[in-house]
Amino acid sequence: MKSEQRRPPIRPIKTLGTTWYDRGTAYWARRLYFLLYALIGLAFAVAIVGGFIFFVVGHLASDTLPAVVALAISVPAILASLFYGLKPLKRSPEAKALGRPMSYENQLSRRQRIAAGAGAGATGYAASAGSGAAGGAIFFAAFVFLGQCVGSVIVGCQKYLTIEEFEAVQEANRWIERHHE
């Protein structure tokens, strides 16, 4: 009973539950799942964007004008995607000093996230069935979300996966300091 009193109250947080406190196998399995999911998204976006660049350079090189136009459009699109995908991860000097992790502030409700996932799945299914419009949408999305995919991999490699995890750890540390003096 005494050991239970020496342990801070552990509140569950989204994605990690209460595994954040002990950082055992379940915690690292969830972290690995998130990182693998981010890496698969990044690989998919890089494959589409890289395939397009390879096609432009390799197959349109004999016809210079279309290659130059395609590259003149795609290179700024890639740079803009990286800029807008990584910009939300920028932290203030105060947040850096506190050790707060970089994180995307998710402003979508659970229902909106489920709807977005269902829409993406339906688009992928339509593209695999031969829909040119769906294939074009996936191609466009690869350019748009490339920066966010890179950012998700960066977030997955940090000490804390989410701001909620960071705050829960800080809260537990404060509790330990107050109760173990």
C-alpha atoms as a PDB file:
ATOM      1  CA  MET A   1       0.000   0.000   0.000  1.00  0.00           C
ATOM      2  CA  LYS A   2       2.851   2.333   0.774  1.00  0.00           C
ATOM      3  CA  SER A   3       4.296   1.926  -2.746  1.00  0.00           C
ATOM      4  CA  GLU A   4       0.951   2.923  -4.234  1.00  0.00           C
ATOM      5  CA  GLN A   5       1.001   6.181  -2.285  1.00  0.00           C
ATOM      6  CA  ARG A   6       4.446   7.020  -3.650  1.00  0.00           C
ATOM      7  CA  ARG A   7       3.269   6.763  -7.245  1.00  0.00           C
ATOM      8  CA  PRO A   8       1.686   9.875  -8.813  1.00  0.00           C
ATOM      9  CA  PRO A   9      -1.819   9.740 -10.244  1.00  0.00           C
ATOM     10  CA  ILE A  10      -1.420   8.673 -13.862  1.00  0.00           C
ATOM     11  CA  ARG A  11      -3.959  10.179 -16.214  1.00  0.00           C
ATOM     12  CA  PRO A  12      -4.543   8.508 -19.584  1.00  0.00           C
ATOM     13  CA  ILE A  13      -3.657  10.556 -22.652  1.00  0.00           C
ATOM     14  CA  LYS A  14      -4.783  10.185 -26.233  1.00  0.00           C
ATOM     15  CA  THR A  15      -2.848   7.620 -28.303  1.00  0.00           C
ATOM     16  CA  LEU A  16      -0.640   6.425 -25.425  1.00  0.00           C
ATOM     17  CA  GLY A  17      -3.146   5.757 -22.637  1.00  0.00           C
ATOM     18  CA  THR A  18      -1.234   5.355 -19.369  1.00  0.00           C
ATOM     19  CA  THR A  19       1.783   3.645 -20.964  1.00  0.00           C
ATOM     20  CA  TRP A  20       3.676   6.953 -20.988  1.00  0.00           C
ATOM     21  CA  TYR A  21       4.524   6.635 -17.300  1.00  0.00           C
ATOM     22  CA  ASP A  22       6.463   3.357 -17.273  1.00  0.00           C
ATOM     23  CA  ARG A  23       7.541   3.476 -20.944  1.00  0.00           C
ATOM     24  CA  GLY A  24       7.387  -0.298 -21.224  1.00  0.00           C
ATOM     25  CA  THR A  25       6.769  -2.552 -24.201  1.00  0.00           C
ATOM     26  CA  ALA A  26       3.232  -1.284 -24.846  1.00  0.00           C
ATOM     27  CA  TYR A  27       4.479   2.311 -24.934  1.00  0.00           C
ATOM     28  CA  TRP A  28       7.268   1.584 -27.403  1.00  0.00           C
ATOM     29  CA  ALA A  29       4.951  -0.565 -29.540  1.00  0.00           C
ATOM     30  CA  ARG A  30       2.575   2.398 -29.877  1.00  0.00           C
ATOM     31  CA  ARG A  31       5.448   4.762 -30.632  1.00  0.00           C
ATOM     32  CA  LEU A  32       6.822   2.342 -33.234  1.00  0.00           C
ATOM     33  CA  TYR A  33       3.365   1.980 -34.806  1.00  0.00           C
ATOM     34  CA  PHE A  34       3.064   5.767 -35.112  1.00  0.00           C
ATOM     35  CA  LEU A  35       6.557   6.074 -36.591  1.00  0.00           C
ATOM     36  CA  LEU A  36       6.011   3.239 -39.083  1.00  0.00           C
ATOM     37  CA  TYR A  37       2.709   4.788 -40.145  1.00  0.00           C
ATOM     38  CA  ALA A  38       4.483   8.132 -40.686  1.00  0.00           C
ATOM     39  CA  LEU A  39       7.315   6.440 -42.602  1.00  0.00           C
ATOM     40  CA  ILE A  40       4.857   4.614 -44.864  1.00  0.00           C
ATOM     41  CA  GLY A  41       3.096   7.904 -45.619  1.00  0.00           C
ATOM     42  CA  LEU A  42       6.439   9.554 -46.350  1.00  0.00           C
ATOM     43  CA  ALA A  43       7.554   6.653 -48.561  1.00  0.00           C
ATOM     44  CA  PHE A  44       4.284   6.839 -50.498  1.00  0.00           C
ATOM     45  CA  ALA A  45       4.580  10.602 -51.055  1.00  0.00           C
ATOM     46  CA  VAL A  46       8.282  10.374 -51.967  1.00  0.00           C
ATOM     47  CA  ALA A  47       7.582   7.513 -54.392  1.00  0.00           C
ATOM     48  CA  ILE A  48       4.937   9.532 -56.230  1.00  0.00           C
ATOM     49  CA  VAL A  49       6.862  12.811 -56.251  1.00  0.00           C
ATOM     50  CA  GLY A  50      10.186  11.088 -56.989  1.00  0.00           C
ATOM     51  CA  GLY A  51       8.598   8.994 -59.723  1.00  0.00           C
ATOM     52  CA  PHE A  52       7.231  12.127 -61.333  1.00  0.00           C
ATOM     53  CA  ILE A  53      10.620  13.885 -61.206  1.00  0.00           C
ATOM     54  CA  PHE A  54      12.323  10.745 -62.576  1.00  0.00           C
ATOM     55  CA  PHE A  55       9.762  10.565 -65.392  1.00  0.00           C
ATOM     56  CA  VAL A  56      10.190  14.243 -66.260  1.00  0.00           C
ATOM     57  CA  VAL A  57      13.981  14.093 -66.280  1.00  0.00           C
ATOM     58  CA  GLY A  58      14.226  10.699 -67.981  1.00  0.00           C
ATOM     59  CA  HIS A  59      11.439  10.734 -70.534  1.00  0.00           C
ATOM     60  CA  LEU A  60      10.873  14.370 -71.308  1.00  0.00           C
ATOM     61  CA  ALA A  61      14.559  15.308 -71.514  1.00  0.00           C
ATOM     62  CA  SER A  62      14.474  15.081 -75.308  1.00  0.00           C
ATOM     63  CA  ASP A  63      11.674  17.659 -75.356  1.00  0.00           C
ATOM     64  CA  THR A  64      13.129  20.411 -73.185  1.00  0.00           C
ATOM     65  CA  LEU A  65      10.176  22.806 -72.860  1.00  0.00           C
ATOM     66  CA  PRO A  66       7.709  20.361 -71.218  1.00  0.00           C
ATOM     67  CA  ALA A  67      10.455  19.139 -68.869  1.00  0.00           C
ATOM     68  CA  VAL A  68      11.371  22.681 -67.839  1.00  0.00           C
ATOM     69  CA  VAL A  69       7.709  23.610 -67.318  1.00  0.00           C
ATOM     70  CA  ALA A  70       7.034  20.449 -65.287  1.00  0.00           C
ATOM     71  CA  LEU A  71      10.088  21.045 -63.107  1.00  0.00           C
ATOM     72  CA  ALA A  72       9.314  24.769 -62.795  1.00  0.00           C
ATOM     73  CA  ILE A  73       5.929  23.821 -61.346  1.00  0.00           C
ATOM     74  CA  SER A  74       6.920  20.802 -59.244  1.00  0.00           C
ATOM     75  CA  VAL A  75      10.052  22.162 -57.516  1.00  0.00           C
ATOM     76  CA  PRO A  76       8.270  25.208 -56.013  1.00  0.00           C
ATOM     77  CA  ALA A  77       5.344  22.925 -55.097  1.00  0.00           C
ATOM     78  CA  ILE A  78       7.725  20.622 -53.212  1.00  0.00           C
ATOM     79  CA  LEU A  79       9.424  23.543 -51.460  1.00  0.00           C
ATOM     80  CA  ALA A  80       6.062  25.091 -50.528  1.00  0.00           C
ATOM     81  CA  SER A  81       4.869  21.742 -49.190  1.00  0.00           C
ATOM     82  CA  LEU A  82       7.981  21.411 -47.038  1.00  0.00           C
ATOM     83  CA  PHE A  83       7.645  24.987 -45.800  1.00  0.00           C
ATOM     84  CA  TYR A  84       3.954  24.746 -44.904  1.00  0.00           C
ATOM     85  CA  GLY A  85       4.309  21.183 -43.604  1.00  0.00           C
ATOM     86  CA  LEU A  86       7.179  21.996 -41.247  1.00  0.00           C
ATOM     87  CA  LYS A  87       6.194  25.547 -40.235  1.00  0.00           C
ATOM     88  CA  PRO A  88       3.639  24.413 -37.593  1.00  0.00           C
ATOM     89  CA  LEU A  89       6.422  22.491 -35.840  1.00  0.00           C
ATOM     90  CA  LYS A  90       8.395  25.669 -35.109  1.00  0.00           C
ATOM     91  CA  ARG A  91       8.505  26.296 -31.366  1.00  0.00           C
ATOM     92  CA  SER A  92       8.916  29.535 -29.471  1.00  0.00           C
ATOM     93  CA  PRO A  93      12.165  30.074 -27.545  1.00  0.00           C
ATOM     94  CA  GLU A  94      10.199  29.574 -24.302  1.00  0.00           C
ATOM     95  CA  ALA A  95       8.827  26.224 -25.506  1.00  0.00           C
ATOM     96  CA  LYS A  96      12.330  25.140 -26.528  1.00  0.00           C
ATOM     97  CA  ALA A  97      13.705  26.125 -23.116  1.00  0.00           C
ATOM     98  CA  LEU A  98      10.985  24.070 -21.402  1.00  0.00           C
ATOM     99  CA  GLY A  99      11.722  21.083 -23.641  1.00  0.00           C
ATOM    100  CA  ARG A 100       8.225  21.037 -25.163  1.00  0.00           C
ATOM    101  CA  PRO A 101       8.063  18.711 -28.168  1.00  0.00           C
ATOM    102  CA  MET A 102       7.284  19.837 -31.679  1.00  0.00           C
ATOM    103  CA  SER A 103       3.712  18.843 -32.451  1.00  0.00           C
ATOM    104  CA  TYR A 104       0.896  19.361 -34.890  1.00  0.00           C
ATOM    105  CA  GLU A 105      -2.066  20.874 -33.072  1.00  0.00           C
ATOM    106  CA  ASN A 106      -4.904  18.694 -34.284  1.00  0.00           C
ATOM    107  CA  GLN A 107      -7.961  20.902 -34.671  1.00  0.00           C
ATOM    108  CA  LEU A 108     -10.178  18.244 -36.237  1.00  0.00           C
ATOM    109  CA  SER A 109     -12.726  16.374 -34.174  1.00  0.00           C
ATOM    110  CA  ARG A 110     -12.678  12.573 -34.102  1.00  0.00           C
ATOM    111  CA  ARG A 111     -15.654  12.531 -36.456  1.00  0.00           C
ATOM    112  CA  GLN A 112     -13.864  14.814 -38.941  1.00  0.00           C
ATOM    113  CA  ARG A 113     -10.713  12.651 -38.803  1.00  0.00           C
ATOM    114  CA  ILE A 114     -12.758   9.511 -39.475  1.00  0.00           C
ATOM    115  CA  ALA A 115     -14.509  11.222 -42.396  1.00  0.00           C
ATOM    116  CA  ALA A 116     -11.164  12.370 -43.834  1.00  0.00           C
ATOM    117  CA  GLY A 117      -9.742   8.855 -43.517  1.00  0.00           C
ATOM    118  CA  ALA A 118     -12.804   7.354 -45.172  1.00  0.00           C
ATOM    119  CA  GLY A 119     -12.540   9.879 -48.004  1.00  0.00           C
ATOM    120  CA  ALA A 120      -8.862   9.101 -48.517  1.00  0.00           C
ATOM    121  CA  GLY A 121      -9.599   5.373 -48.503  1.00  0.00           C
ATOM    122  CA  ALA A 122     -12.394   5.789 -51.042  1.00  0.00           C
ATOM    123  CA  THR A 123     -10.123   7.894 -53.256  1.00  0.00           C
ATOM    124  CA  GLY A 124      -7.397   5.237 -53.074  1.00  0.00           C
ATOM    125  CA  TYR A 125      -9.894   2.519 -53.942  1.00  0.00           C
ATOM    126  CA  ALA A 126     -11.233   4.549 -56.881  1.00  0.00           C
ATOM    127  CA  ALA A 127      -7.693   5.187 -58.132  1.00  0.00           C
ATOM    128  CA  SER A 128      -6.843   1.483 -57.953  1.00  0.00           C
ATOM    129  CA  ALA A 129     -10.024   0.766 -59.912  1.00  0.00           C
ATOM    130  CA  GLY A 130      -8.776   2.990 -62.726  1.00  0.00           C
ATOM    131  CA  SER A 131     -10.374   6.357 -61.993  1.00  0.00           C
ATOM    132  CA  GLY A 132      -8.239   9.051 -63.590  1.00  0.00           C
ATOM    133  CA  ALA A 133      -9.699  11.771 -61.387  1.00  0.00           C
ATOM    134  CA  ALA A 134      -8.928   9.810 -58.216  1.00  0.00           C
ATOM    135  CA  GLY A 135      -5.420   9.056 -59.486  1.00  0.00           C
ATOM    136  CA  GLY A 136      -4.912  12.761 -60.148  1.00  0.00           C
ATOM    137  CA  ALA A 137      -6.170  13.600 -56.660  1.00  0.00           C
ATOM    138  CA  ILE A 138      -3.675  11.180 -55.095  1.00  0.00           C
ATOM    139  CA  PHE A 139      -0.885  12.588 -57.276  1.00  0.00           C
ATOM    140  CA  PHE A 140      -1.780  16.140 -56.199  1.00  0.00           C
ATOM    141  CA  ALA A 141      -2.096  15.082 -52.539  1.00  0.00           C
ATOM    142  CA  ALA A 142       1.407  13.588 -52.600  1.00  0.00           C
ATOM    143  CA  PHE A 143       2.834  17.008 -53.461  1.00  0.00           C
ATOM    144  CA  VAL A 144       0.619  18.820 -50.955  1.00  0.00           C
ATOM    145  CA  PHE A 145       1.245  16.506 -47.988  1.00  0.00           C
ATOM    146  CA  LEU A 146       4.944  15.753 -48.544  1.00  0.00           C
ATOM    147  CA  GLY A 147       5.982  18.347 -45.944  1.00  0.00           C
ATOM    148  CA  GLN A 148       3.479  17.061 -43.393  1.00  0.00           C
ATOM    149  CA  CYS A 149       4.789  13.521 -43.921  1.00  0.00           C
ATOM    150  CA  VAL A 150       8.340  14.705 -43.219  1.00  0.00           C
ATOM    151  CA  GLY A 151       7.084  16.540 -40.125  1.00  0.00           C
ATOM    152  CA  SER A 152       5.259  13.444 -38.864  1.00  0.00           C
ATOM    153  CA  VAL A 153       8.475  11.423 -39.034  1.00  0.00           C
ATOM    154  CA  ILE A 154      10.289  14.172 -37.105  1.00  0.00           C
ATOM    155  CA  VAL A 155       7.539  14.214 -34.457  1.00  0.00           C
ATOM    156  CA  GLY A 156       7.699  10.410 -34.181  1.00  0.00           C
ATOM    157  CA  CYS A 157      11.433  10.527 -33.371  1.00  0.00           C
ATOM    158  CA  GLN A 158      11.219  12.983 -30.452  1.00  0.00           C
ATOM    159  CA  LYS A 159      11.505  12.167 -26.765  1.00  0.00           C
ATOM    160  CA  TYR A 160       7.794  12.897 -26.274  1.00  0.00           C
ATOM    161  CA  LEU A 161       5.280  11.996 -28.954  1.00  0.00           C
ATOM    162  CA  THR A 162       2.693  14.617 -28.034  1.00  0.00           C
ATOM    163  CA  ILE A 163       2.360  17.780 -26.013  1.00  0.00           C
ATOM    164  CA  GLU A 164      -0.121  15.906 -23.787  1.00  0.00           C
ATOM    165  CA  GLU A 165       2.573  13.338 -22.971  1.00  0.00           C
ATOM    166  CA  PHE A 166       5.061  16.097 -22.144  1.00  0.00           C
ATOM    167  CA  GLU A 167       2.540  17.835 -19.864  1.00  0.00           C
ATOM    168  CA  ALA A 168       1.594  14.563 -18.151  1.00  0.00           C
ATOM    169  CA  VAL A 169       5.265  13.802 -17.431  1.00  0.00           C
ATOM    170  CA  GLN A 170       5.788  17.323 -16.062  1.00  0.00           C
ATOM    171  CA  GLU A 171       2.678  16.953 -13.898  1.00  0.00           C
ATOM    172  CA  ALA A 172       3.902  13.593 -12.546  1.00  0.00           C
ATOM    173  CA  ASN A 173       7.345  15.060 -11.817  1.00  0.00           C
ATOM    174  CA  ARG A 174       5.783  17.957  -9.892  1.00  0.00           C
ATOM    175  CA  TRP A 175       3.676  15.475  -7.891  1.00  0.00           C
ATOM    176  CA  ILE A 176       6.771  13.418  -7.049  1.00  0.00           C
ATOM    177  CA  GLU A 177       8.663  16.544  -5.926  1.00  0.00           C
ATOM    178  CA  ARG A 178       5.783  17.617  -3.658  1.00  0.00           C
ATOM    179  CA  HIS A 179       5.220  14.192  -2.086  1.00  0.00           C
ATOM    180  CA  HIS A 180       8.798  12.979  -1.662  1.00  0.00           C
ATOM    181  CA  GLU A 181      10.386  15.885   0.170  1.00  0.00           C
END
